């Protein structure tokens, strides 16, 4: 019908019939079983998505094969324990079921990135892999090959004198003088 009214450019390059078996239970076209979606379709450019899916599958296989080392697992469990305030964390424990929330996820992300030297770790990884075992597999895939991530001790807290900048000390001195003046004025009454 399209060819009769509008010319060849409006119709498909070659008509394709959809077999009864190429339908889903909801009567939609099952694209996996449509004829002509083989190697020829990929060569015409329809395979970009298929190639991306194959690449993602291969990356997932590499990530799954990257088993976390015992040191890495202990370091990650120690950091979860520190951030969540829970002593024992098992492989099937969920970050959010243990009391984690978005702010603790950000804190955990920063701590792990800094102490375990994982610059490719994203904060969304905690949301994508909230179960400890899954998270460990993902972190193992991010860790550089051949390296064992050793936890870096947190930096010691600086002394109070080093933390307070000079202008703040001057402001405190001014407040002390005002308090002394008020005390004199009240005592003089």
N, C-alpha and C. Protein backbone atom coordinates (compact mmCIF):
# COMPACT_ATOMS: atom_id res chain seq x y z
N UNK A 1 0.82 -1.19 0.00
CA UNK A 1 0.00 0.00 0.00
C UNK A 1 0.87 1.25 0.00
N UNK A 2 1.94 1.25 0.74
CA UNK A 2 2.82 2.41 0.77
C UNK A 2 3.50 2.63 -0.57
N UNK A 3 3.88 1.53 -1.19
CA UNK A 3 4.57 1.65 -2.47
C UNK A 3 3.66 2.24 -3.54
N UNK A 4 2.37 1.92 -3.50
CA UNK A 4 1.43 2.41 -4.51
C UNK A 4 1.17 3.90 -4.36
N UNK A 5 1.12 4.40 -3.16
CA UNK A 5 0.77 5.81 -2.94
C UNK A 5 1.98 6.74 -2.87
N UNK A 6 3.08 6.27 -2.36
CA UNK A 6 4.16 7.22 -2.12
C UNK A 6 5.47 6.90 -2.77
N UNK A 7 5.60 5.84 -3.46
CA UNK A 7 6.86 5.55 -4.11
C UNK A 7 7.69 4.57 -3.30
N UNK A 8 8.78 4.14 -3.90
CA UNK A 8 9.63 3.10 -3.31
C UNK A 8 10.39 3.60 -2.08
N UNK A 9 10.66 4.90 -2.04
CA UNK A 9 11.44 5.41 -0.92
C UNK A 9 10.69 5.36 0.41
N UNK A 10 9.38 5.20 0.40
CA UNK A 10 8.60 5.16 1.63
C UNK A 10 8.45 3.76 2.20
N UNK A 11 8.75 2.76 1.43
CA UNK A 11 8.58 1.39 1.90
C UNK A 11 9.88 0.84 2.44
N UNK A 12 9.83 -0.33 3.08
CA UNK A 12 11.06 -0.95 3.57
C UNK A 12 11.91 -1.43 2.42
N UNK A 13 13.21 -1.54 2.65
CA UNK A 13 14.12 -2.00 1.62
C UNK A 13 13.75 -3.37 1.11
N UNK A 14 13.37 -4.23 2.01
CA UNK A 14 12.84 -5.53 1.63
C UNK A 14 11.76 -5.89 2.64
N UNK A 15 10.63 -6.29 2.18
CA UNK A 15 9.54 -6.61 3.10
C UNK A 15 9.90 -7.82 3.96
N UNK A 16 9.59 -7.71 5.23
CA UNK A 16 9.86 -8.80 6.16
C UNK A 16 8.55 -9.25 6.77
N UNK A 17 8.32 -10.50 6.74
CA UNK A 17 7.15 -11.05 7.40
C UNK A 17 7.52 -11.51 8.80
N UNK A 18 6.65 -11.33 9.73
CA UNK A 18 6.90 -11.77 11.09
C UNK A 18 6.13 -13.06 11.31
N UNK A 19 6.87 -14.09 11.63
CA UNK A 19 6.25 -15.38 11.85
C UNK A 19 5.48 -15.37 13.17
N UNK A 20 4.59 -16.30 13.31
CA UNK A 20 3.81 -16.41 14.54
C UNK A 20 4.72 -16.72 15.73
N UNK A 21 5.79 -17.48 15.48
CA UNK A 21 6.72 -17.84 16.56
C UNK A 21 7.58 -16.67 16.99
N UNK A 22 7.63 -15.59 16.21
CA UNK A 22 8.47 -14.44 16.54
C UNK A 22 7.69 -13.41 17.34
N UNK A 23 6.73 -13.84 18.10
CA UNK A 23 5.94 -12.94 18.94
C UNK A 23 6.14 -13.29 20.40
N UNK A 24 6.06 -12.30 21.24
CA UNK A 24 6.13 -12.53 22.68
C UNK A 24 4.76 -12.95 23.18
N UNK A 25 4.64 -13.40 24.43
CA UNK A 25 3.33 -13.78 24.95
C UNK A 25 2.32 -12.64 24.94
N UNK A 26 2.79 -11.41 24.90
CA UNK A 26 1.88 -10.26 24.86
C UNK A 26 1.61 -9.80 23.43
N UNK A 27 1.96 -10.65 22.45
CA UNK A 27 1.70 -10.43 21.03
C UNK A 27 2.55 -9.32 20.41
N UNK A 28 3.63 -8.95 21.05
CA UNK A 28 4.55 -7.97 20.46
C UNK A 28 5.60 -8.72 19.65
N UNK A 29 6.26 -8.03 18.75
CA UNK A 29 7.29 -8.65 17.94
C UNK A 29 8.51 -8.96 18.80
N UNK A 30 8.95 -10.20 18.76
CA UNK A 30 10.15 -10.61 19.49
C UNK A 30 11.33 -10.36 18.57
N UNK A 31 12.06 -9.31 18.78
CA UNK A 31 13.12 -8.89 17.87
C UNK A 31 14.27 -9.88 17.79
N UNK A 32 14.43 -10.71 18.81
CA UNK A 32 15.49 -11.70 18.78
C UNK A 32 15.22 -12.77 17.73
N UNK A 33 13.95 -12.98 17.38
CA UNK A 33 13.59 -14.04 16.45
C UNK A 33 13.11 -13.53 15.09
N UNK A 34 13.29 -12.25 14.82
CA UNK A 34 12.89 -11.70 13.53
C UNK A 34 13.94 -12.08 12.50
N UNK A 35 13.54 -12.60 11.34
CA UNK A 35 14.53 -12.96 10.31
C UNK A 35 15.26 -11.71 9.80
N UNK A 36 16.52 -11.89 9.42
CA UNK A 36 17.30 -10.79 8.87
C UNK A 36 18.03 -9.99 9.93
N UNK A 37 18.06 -10.46 11.16
CA UNK A 37 18.78 -9.75 12.22
C UNK A 37 20.11 -10.42 12.51
N UNK A 38 20.62 -11.13 11.56
CA UNK A 38 21.87 -11.88 11.75
C UNK A 38 23.09 -11.03 11.44
N UNK A 39 24.10 -11.68 10.84
CA UNK A 39 25.37 -11.02 10.56
C UNK A 39 25.21 -9.90 9.54
N UNK A 40 24.29 -10.05 8.58
CA UNK A 40 24.09 -9.01 7.57
C UNK A 40 23.58 -7.73 8.19
N UNK A 41 22.69 -7.83 9.15
CA UNK A 41 22.17 -6.63 9.81
C UNK A 41 23.25 -5.95 10.61
N UNK A 42 24.12 -6.73 11.22
CA UNK A 42 25.20 -6.12 12.00
C UNK A 42 26.17 -5.39 11.08
N UNK A 43 26.41 -5.96 9.90
CA UNK A 43 27.32 -5.33 8.95
C UNK A 43 26.77 -4.00 8.44
N UNK A 44 25.44 -3.85 8.40
CA UNK A 44 24.84 -2.60 7.94
C UNK A 44 24.79 -1.54 9.05
N UNK A 45 25.26 -1.85 10.23
CA UNK A 45 25.25 -0.85 11.30
C UNK A 45 24.29 -1.20 12.40
N UNK A 46 23.48 -2.22 12.24
CA UNK A 46 22.55 -2.61 13.28
C UNK A 46 23.24 -3.35 14.40
N UNK A 47 24.51 -3.65 14.24
CA UNK A 47 25.23 -4.42 15.24
C UNK A 47 25.94 -3.57 16.28
N UNK A 48 25.81 -2.26 16.22
CA UNK A 48 26.49 -1.42 17.20
C UNK A 48 25.99 -1.73 18.61
N UNK A 49 24.69 -1.88 18.71
CA UNK A 49 24.13 -2.20 20.03
C UNK A 49 24.52 -3.61 20.45
N UNK A 50 24.51 -4.54 19.50
CA UNK A 50 24.90 -5.92 19.80
C UNK A 50 26.37 -5.97 20.23
N UNK A 51 27.21 -5.19 19.55
CA UNK A 51 28.63 -5.15 19.92
C UNK A 51 28.80 -4.57 21.31
N UNK A 52 28.01 -3.55 21.64
CA UNK A 52 28.10 -2.96 22.98
C UNK A 52 27.65 -3.95 24.04
N UNK A 53 26.62 -4.72 23.73
CA UNK A 53 26.14 -5.73 24.68
C UNK A 53 27.20 -6.81 24.87
N UNK A 54 27.83 -7.24 23.76
CA UNK A 54 28.88 -8.25 23.86
C UNK A 54 30.06 -7.73 24.66
N UNK A 55 30.43 -6.46 24.48
CA UNK A 55 31.53 -5.88 25.24
C UNK A 55 31.19 -5.80 26.72
N UNK A 56 29.96 -5.43 27.03
CA UNK A 56 29.54 -5.36 28.43
C UNK A 56 29.53 -6.74 29.06
N UNK A 57 29.11 -7.74 28.30
CA UNK A 57 29.11 -9.11 28.81
C UNK A 57 30.54 -9.58 29.08
N UNK A 58 31.45 -9.25 28.17
CA UNK A 58 32.85 -9.62 28.37
C UNK A 58 33.43 -8.92 29.58
N UNK A 59 33.08 -7.64 29.77
CA UNK A 59 33.58 -6.90 30.94
C UNK A 59 33.02 -7.49 32.22
N UNK A 60 31.76 -7.92 32.18
CA UNK A 60 31.16 -8.53 33.37
C UNK A 60 31.84 -9.86 33.69
N UNK A 61 32.22 -10.61 32.65
CA UNK A 61 32.92 -11.87 32.88
C UNK A 61 34.28 -11.64 33.50
N UNK A 62 34.99 -10.59 33.04
CA UNK A 62 36.28 -10.25 33.63
C UNK A 62 36.09 -9.82 35.08
N UNK A 63 35.08 -9.03 35.35
CA UNK A 63 34.82 -8.57 36.72
C UNK A 63 34.46 -9.74 37.62
N UNK A 64 33.69 -10.69 37.09
CA UNK A 64 33.30 -11.84 37.89
C UNK A 64 34.49 -12.75 38.18
N UNK A 65 35.43 -12.81 37.22
CA UNK A 65 36.59 -13.66 37.43
C UNK A 65 37.60 -13.02 38.37
N UNK A 66 37.52 -11.71 38.56
CA UNK A 66 38.43 -11.03 39.47
C UNK A 66 37.95 -11.25 40.90
N UNK A 67 38.47 -12.28 41.51
CA UNK A 67 38.05 -12.60 42.87
C UNK A 67 38.82 -11.69 43.84
N UNK A 68 38.14 -11.20 44.84
CA UNK A 68 38.83 -10.33 45.79
C UNK A 68 39.84 -11.11 46.61
N UNK A 69 40.99 -10.51 46.85
CA UNK A 69 41.98 -11.14 47.70
C UNK A 69 41.53 -11.05 49.15
N UNK A 70 42.13 -11.87 49.97
CA UNK A 70 41.75 -11.89 51.39
C UNK A 70 42.07 -10.55 52.06
N UNK A 71 43.21 -9.96 51.69
CA UNK A 71 43.58 -8.67 52.27
C UNK A 71 42.60 -7.58 51.87
N UNK A 72 42.22 -7.59 50.60
CA UNK A 72 41.27 -6.59 50.12
C UNK A 72 39.93 -6.76 50.82
N UNK A 73 39.49 -8.01 50.94
CA UNK A 73 38.20 -8.27 51.59
C UNK A 73 38.22 -7.80 53.05
N UNK A 74 39.30 -8.08 53.74
CA UNK A 74 39.40 -7.65 55.14
C UNK A 74 39.43 -6.13 55.25
N UNK A 75 40.15 -5.47 54.33
CA UNK A 75 40.23 -4.02 54.37
C UNK A 75 38.87 -3.39 54.11
N UNK A 76 38.13 -3.91 53.12
CA UNK A 76 36.82 -3.36 52.80
C UNK A 76 35.84 -3.61 53.94
N UNK A 77 35.88 -4.81 54.52
CA UNK A 77 35.00 -5.11 55.65
C UNK A 77 35.32 -4.22 56.84
N UNK A 78 36.60 -3.94 57.08
CA UNK A 78 36.97 -3.06 58.18
C UNK A 78 36.45 -1.64 57.96
N UNK A 79 36.51 -1.17 56.70
CA UNK A 79 36.02 0.17 56.42
C UNK A 79 34.49 0.24 56.54
N UNK A 80 33.79 -0.79 56.07
CA UNK A 80 32.33 -0.83 56.26
C UNK A 80 32.01 -0.82 57.74
N UNK A 81 32.74 -1.61 58.51
CA UNK A 81 32.51 -1.70 59.95
C UNK A 81 32.74 -0.34 60.61
N UNK A 82 33.80 0.34 60.21
CA UNK A 82 34.12 1.65 60.77
C UNK A 82 33.04 2.68 60.45
N UNK A 83 32.61 2.72 59.20
CA UNK A 83 31.64 3.72 58.77
C UNK A 83 30.25 3.43 59.35
N UNK A 84 29.86 2.15 59.35
CA UNK A 84 28.52 1.79 59.81
C UNK A 84 28.42 1.62 61.32
N UNK A 85 29.56 1.44 62.00
CA UNK A 85 29.53 1.21 63.43
C UNK A 85 29.03 -0.18 63.79
N UNK A 86 29.24 -1.15 62.90
CA UNK A 86 28.83 -2.53 63.13
C UNK A 86 30.10 -3.36 63.23
N UNK A 87 30.16 -4.25 64.24
CA UNK A 87 31.39 -5.02 64.45
C UNK A 87 31.60 -6.10 63.40
N UNK A 88 30.62 -6.97 63.19
CA UNK A 88 30.75 -8.08 62.27
C UNK A 88 29.96 -7.80 60.99
N UNK A 89 30.61 -7.96 59.86
CA UNK A 89 29.94 -7.81 58.57
C UNK A 89 30.20 -9.07 57.76
N UNK A 90 29.13 -9.72 57.33
CA UNK A 90 29.24 -10.95 56.56
C UNK A 90 29.13 -10.68 55.07
N UNK A 91 29.39 -11.69 54.26
CA UNK A 91 29.37 -11.50 52.80
C UNK A 91 27.98 -11.21 52.24
N UNK A 92 26.90 -11.60 52.92
CA UNK A 92 25.55 -11.35 52.42
C UNK A 92 24.90 -10.14 53.08
N UNK A 93 25.64 -9.39 53.88
CA UNK A 93 25.09 -8.22 54.54
C UNK A 93 24.93 -7.07 53.55
N UNK A 94 23.82 -6.36 53.69
CA UNK A 94 23.48 -5.24 52.81
C UNK A 94 23.85 -3.94 53.52
N UNK A 95 24.52 -3.05 52.81
CA UNK A 95 24.96 -1.77 53.37
C UNK A 95 23.80 -1.00 53.98
N UNK A 96 22.68 -0.96 53.28
CA UNK A 96 21.55 -0.16 53.73
C UNK A 96 20.76 -0.86 54.83
N UNK A 97 20.76 -2.19 54.83
CA UNK A 97 20.08 -2.93 55.90
C UNK A 97 20.83 -2.80 57.22
N UNK A 98 22.14 -2.54 57.14
CA UNK A 98 22.94 -2.37 58.36
C UNK A 98 22.88 -0.94 58.90
N UNK A 99 22.06 -0.11 58.31
CA UNK A 99 21.92 1.26 58.80
C UNK A 99 22.58 2.30 57.91
N UNK A 100 23.09 1.89 56.76
CA UNK A 100 23.72 2.83 55.85
C UNK A 100 22.69 3.71 55.16
N UNK A 101 23.11 4.89 54.78
CA UNK A 101 22.27 5.81 54.03
C UNK A 101 23.17 6.60 53.09
N UNK A 102 22.62 7.55 52.37
CA UNK A 102 23.37 8.23 51.31
C UNK A 102 24.59 8.98 51.85
N UNK A 103 24.46 9.60 52.99
CA UNK A 103 25.60 10.35 53.53
C UNK A 103 26.72 9.40 53.97
N UNK A 104 26.35 8.27 54.57
CA UNK A 104 27.36 7.28 54.93
C UNK A 104 27.98 6.65 53.68
N UNK A 105 27.20 6.52 52.63
CA UNK A 105 27.74 5.99 51.38
C UNK A 105 28.81 6.92 50.82
N UNK A 106 28.57 8.21 50.90
CA UNK A 106 29.56 9.19 50.43
C UNK A 106 30.80 9.14 51.32
N UNK A 107 30.60 9.02 52.62
CA UNK A 107 31.74 8.93 53.54
C UNK A 107 32.54 7.66 53.26
N UNK A 108 31.86 6.53 53.06
CA UNK A 108 32.54 5.28 52.76
C UNK A 108 33.30 5.39 51.44
N UNK A 109 32.69 6.00 50.45
CA UNK A 109 33.34 6.17 49.15
C UNK A 109 34.64 6.95 49.29
N UNK A 110 34.59 8.06 49.99
CA UNK A 110 35.81 8.88 50.16
C UNK A 110 36.87 8.13 50.94
N UNK A 111 36.46 7.44 51.98
CA UNK A 111 37.41 6.70 52.81
C UNK A 111 38.07 5.60 52.00
N UNK A 112 37.27 4.84 51.25
CA UNK A 112 37.85 3.75 50.46
C UNK A 112 38.74 4.28 49.34
N UNK A 113 38.31 5.34 48.71
CA UNK A 113 39.09 5.91 47.60
C UNK A 113 40.46 6.36 48.12
N UNK A 114 40.48 6.98 49.29
CA UNK A 114 41.73 7.50 49.82
C UNK A 114 42.62 6.42 50.45
N UNK A 115 42.03 5.60 51.31
CA UNK A 115 42.84 4.62 52.05
C UNK A 115 43.23 3.41 51.21
N UNK A 116 42.39 3.00 50.28
CA UNK A 116 42.69 1.81 49.48
C UNK A 116 43.21 2.15 48.10
N UNK A 117 43.38 3.43 47.82
CA UNK A 117 43.91 3.88 46.52
C UNK A 117 43.09 3.32 45.37
N UNK A 118 41.79 3.64 45.39
CA UNK A 118 40.87 3.20 44.33
C UNK A 118 40.27 4.43 43.65
N UNK A 119 41.02 5.09 42.77
CA UNK A 119 40.50 6.32 42.16
C UNK A 119 39.31 6.09 41.23
N UNK A 120 39.14 4.86 40.71
CA UNK A 120 38.02 4.59 39.79
C UNK A 120 36.74 4.21 40.52
N UNK A 121 36.79 4.08 41.83
CA UNK A 121 35.60 3.73 42.60
C UNK A 121 34.65 4.92 42.60
N UNK A 122 33.40 4.68 42.23
CA UNK A 122 32.39 5.75 42.22
C UNK A 122 31.43 5.59 43.38
N UNK A 123 30.85 6.68 43.81
CA UNK A 123 29.91 6.61 44.92
C UNK A 123 28.68 5.80 44.51
N UNK A 124 28.35 5.79 43.24
CA UNK A 124 27.20 5.02 42.78
C UNK A 124 27.45 3.52 42.86
N UNK A 125 28.72 3.11 42.93
CA UNK A 125 29.03 1.69 43.07
C UNK A 125 28.46 1.12 44.36
N UNK A 126 28.40 1.92 45.40
CA UNK A 126 27.84 1.46 46.67
C UNK A 126 26.34 1.22 46.52
N UNK A 127 25.69 2.04 45.73
CA UNK A 127 24.25 1.86 45.50
C UNK A 127 24.00 0.70 44.54
N UNK A 128 24.88 0.50 43.57
CA UNK A 128 24.71 -0.58 42.59
C UNK A 128 25.02 -1.93 43.20
N UNK A 129 25.96 -1.99 44.15
CA UNK A 129 26.38 -3.25 44.77
C UNK A 129 26.29 -3.11 46.29
N UNK A 130 25.08 -3.07 46.86
CA UNK A 130 24.96 -2.85 48.31
C UNK A 130 25.30 -4.08 49.16
N UNK A 131 25.35 -5.28 48.55
CA UNK A 131 25.68 -6.49 49.30
C UNK A 131 27.19 -6.66 49.31
N UNK A 132 27.75 -7.01 50.46
CA UNK A 132 29.20 -7.06 50.64
C UNK A 132 29.90 -7.94 49.59
N UNK A 133 29.41 -9.13 49.33
CA UNK A 133 30.07 -10.04 48.38
C UNK A 133 30.10 -9.43 46.98
N UNK A 134 28.99 -8.85 46.56
CA UNK A 134 28.94 -8.23 45.23
C UNK A 134 29.85 -7.01 45.16
N UNK A 135 29.85 -6.24 46.23
CA UNK A 135 30.70 -5.05 46.29
C UNK A 135 32.17 -5.44 46.24
N UNK A 136 32.54 -6.51 46.94
CA UNK A 136 33.93 -6.97 46.93
C UNK A 136 34.37 -7.39 45.53
N UNK A 137 33.50 -8.11 44.80
CA UNK A 137 33.83 -8.50 43.43
C UNK A 137 34.05 -7.27 42.56
N UNK A 138 33.19 -6.27 42.73
CA UNK A 138 33.32 -5.06 41.93
C UNK A 138 34.61 -4.31 42.28
N UNK A 139 34.90 -4.19 43.57
CA UNK A 139 36.12 -3.49 43.99
C UNK A 139 37.35 -4.24 43.51
N UNK A 140 37.31 -5.56 43.51
CA UNK A 140 38.44 -6.35 43.01
C UNK A 140 38.67 -6.10 41.53
N UNK A 141 37.59 -5.86 40.78
CA UNK A 141 37.76 -5.56 39.36
C UNK A 141 38.33 -4.16 39.14
N UNK A 142 38.17 -3.27 40.12
CA UNK A 142 38.71 -1.91 39.99
C UNK A 142 40.15 -1.81 40.48
N UNK A 143 40.53 -2.72 41.38
CA UNK A 143 41.88 -2.66 41.95
C UNK A 143 42.89 -2.98 40.86
N UNK A 144 44.01 -2.28 40.85
CA UNK A 144 45.05 -2.57 39.85
C UNK A 144 45.50 -4.02 39.97
N UNK A 145 45.72 -4.66 38.83
CA UNK A 145 46.14 -6.06 38.82
C UNK A 145 47.50 -6.21 39.48
N UNK A 146 47.64 -7.28 40.25
CA UNK A 146 48.92 -7.58 40.87
C UNK A 146 49.19 -6.78 42.13
N UNK A 147 48.29 -5.96 42.55
CA UNK A 147 48.52 -5.19 43.76
C UNK A 147 47.53 -5.61 44.81
N UNK A 148 47.99 -5.62 46.00
CA UNK A 148 47.11 -5.89 47.14
C UNK A 148 46.88 -4.57 47.83
N UNK A 149 45.66 -4.17 47.90
CA UNK A 149 45.33 -2.89 48.51
C UNK A 149 45.49 -3.01 50.02
N UNK A 150 46.46 -2.30 50.54
CA UNK A 150 46.67 -2.27 51.97
C UNK A 150 46.04 -0.99 52.51
N UNK A 151 45.28 -1.10 53.56
CA UNK A 151 44.64 0.10 54.07
C UNK A 151 45.67 1.10 54.59
N UNK A 152 45.49 2.32 54.21
CA UNK A 152 46.34 3.40 54.66
C UNK A 152 45.75 3.94 55.95
N UNK A 153 46.58 4.08 56.95
CA UNK A 153 46.09 4.58 58.23
C UNK A 153 45.60 6.01 58.05
N UNK A 154 44.53 6.36 58.73
CA UNK A 154 44.06 7.74 58.62
C UNK A 154 45.08 8.70 59.19
N UNK A 155 45.11 9.88 58.62
CA UNK A 155 46.06 10.90 59.08
C UNK A 155 45.72 11.29 60.51
N UNK A 156 46.74 11.48 61.36
CA UNK A 156 46.45 11.88 62.74
C UNK A 156 45.81 13.26 62.76
N UNK A 157 44.94 13.44 63.72
CA UNK A 157 44.26 14.73 63.85
C UNK A 157 45.26 15.80 64.24
N UNK A 158 45.23 16.93 63.57
CA UNK A 158 46.18 17.99 63.90
C UNK A 158 45.87 18.58 65.27
N UNK A 159 46.89 19.17 65.86
CA UNK A 159 46.72 19.77 67.18
C UNK A 159 45.82 20.99 67.07
N UNK A 160 45.08 21.32 68.12
CA UNK A 160 44.14 22.45 68.05
C UNK A 160 44.81 23.76 67.67
N UNK A 161 46.04 24.00 68.12
CA UNK A 161 46.70 25.27 67.79
C UNK A 161 46.98 25.36 66.30
N UNK A 162 47.28 24.22 65.67
CA UNK A 162 47.58 24.24 64.24
C UNK A 162 46.30 24.39 63.42
N UNK A 163 45.16 24.00 63.96
CA UNK A 163 43.91 24.06 63.21
C UNK A 163 43.36 25.47 63.19
N UNK A 164 43.49 26.21 64.26
CA UNK A 164 42.88 27.53 64.39
C UNK A 164 43.70 28.55 63.63
N UNK A 165 43.15 29.17 62.61
CA UNK A 165 43.89 30.20 61.88
C UNK A 165 44.05 31.46 62.73
N UNK A 166 44.99 32.28 62.35
CA UNK A 166 45.34 33.48 63.12
C UNK A 166 44.17 34.45 63.29
N UNK A 167 43.35 34.74 62.26
CA UNK A 167 42.25 35.69 62.46
C UNK A 167 41.24 35.22 63.50
N UNK A 168 41.05 33.92 63.63
CA UNK A 168 40.11 33.42 64.62
C UNK A 168 40.65 33.69 66.01
N UNK A 169 41.97 33.53 66.21
CA UNK A 169 42.56 33.82 67.52
C UNK A 169 42.39 35.29 67.87
N UNK A 170 42.53 36.17 66.90
CA UNK A 170 42.35 37.60 67.14
C UNK A 170 40.90 37.89 67.51
N UNK A 171 39.95 37.22 66.86
CA UNK A 171 38.54 37.42 67.18
C UNK A 171 38.24 36.93 68.58
N UNK A 172 38.82 35.79 68.98
CA UNK A 172 38.61 35.30 70.34
C UNK A 172 39.20 36.26 71.36
N UNK A 173 40.34 36.85 71.02
CA UNK A 173 40.98 37.81 71.93
C UNK A 173 40.09 39.05 72.09
N UNK A 174 39.47 39.49 71.00
CA UNK A 174 38.57 40.64 71.07
C UNK A 174 37.36 40.30 71.92
N UNK A 175 36.83 39.10 71.80
CA UNK A 175 35.69 38.68 72.62
C UNK A 175 36.08 38.63 74.09
N UNK A 176 37.30 38.18 74.37
CA UNK A 176 37.75 38.12 75.76
C UNK A 176 37.85 39.53 76.35
N UNK A 177 38.32 40.47 75.55
CA UNK A 177 38.40 41.86 76.05
C UNK A 177 37.01 42.43 76.30
N UNK A 178 36.05 42.13 75.41
CA UNK A 178 34.68 42.62 75.62
C UNK A 178 34.08 42.03 76.89
N UNK A 179 34.28 40.74 77.12
CA UNK A 179 33.76 40.11 78.33
C UNK A 179 34.36 40.75 79.58
N UNK A 180 35.66 41.01 79.53
CA UNK A 180 36.32 41.64 80.68
C UNK A 180 35.75 43.03 80.93
N UNK A 181 35.51 43.79 79.86
CA UNK A 181 34.95 45.14 79.99
C UNK A 181 33.54 45.07 80.57
N UNK A 182 32.75 44.13 80.12
CA UNK A 182 31.38 43.98 80.66
C UNK A 182 31.42 43.60 82.14
N UNK A 183 32.34 42.72 82.47
CA UNK A 183 32.45 42.33 83.87
C UNK A 183 32.83 43.53 84.74
N UNK A 184 33.70 44.39 84.25
CA UNK A 184 34.08 45.59 85.01
C UNK A 184 32.90 46.51 85.16
N UNK A 185 32.14 46.69 84.08
CA UNK A 185 30.98 47.60 84.12
C UNK A 185 29.92 47.07 85.08
N UNK A 186 29.67 45.78 85.09
CA UNK A 186 28.69 45.19 85.99
C UNK A 186 29.17 45.28 87.44
N UNK A 187 30.43 45.09 87.65
CA UNK A 187 31.00 45.13 89.01
C UNK A 187 31.01 46.55 89.56
N UNK A 188 31.04 47.55 88.69
CA UNK A 188 31.11 48.94 89.10
C UNK A 188 29.75 49.47 89.54
N UNK A 189 28.66 48.83 89.20
CA UNK A 189 27.33 49.31 89.55
C UNK A 189 27.02 49.16 90.97
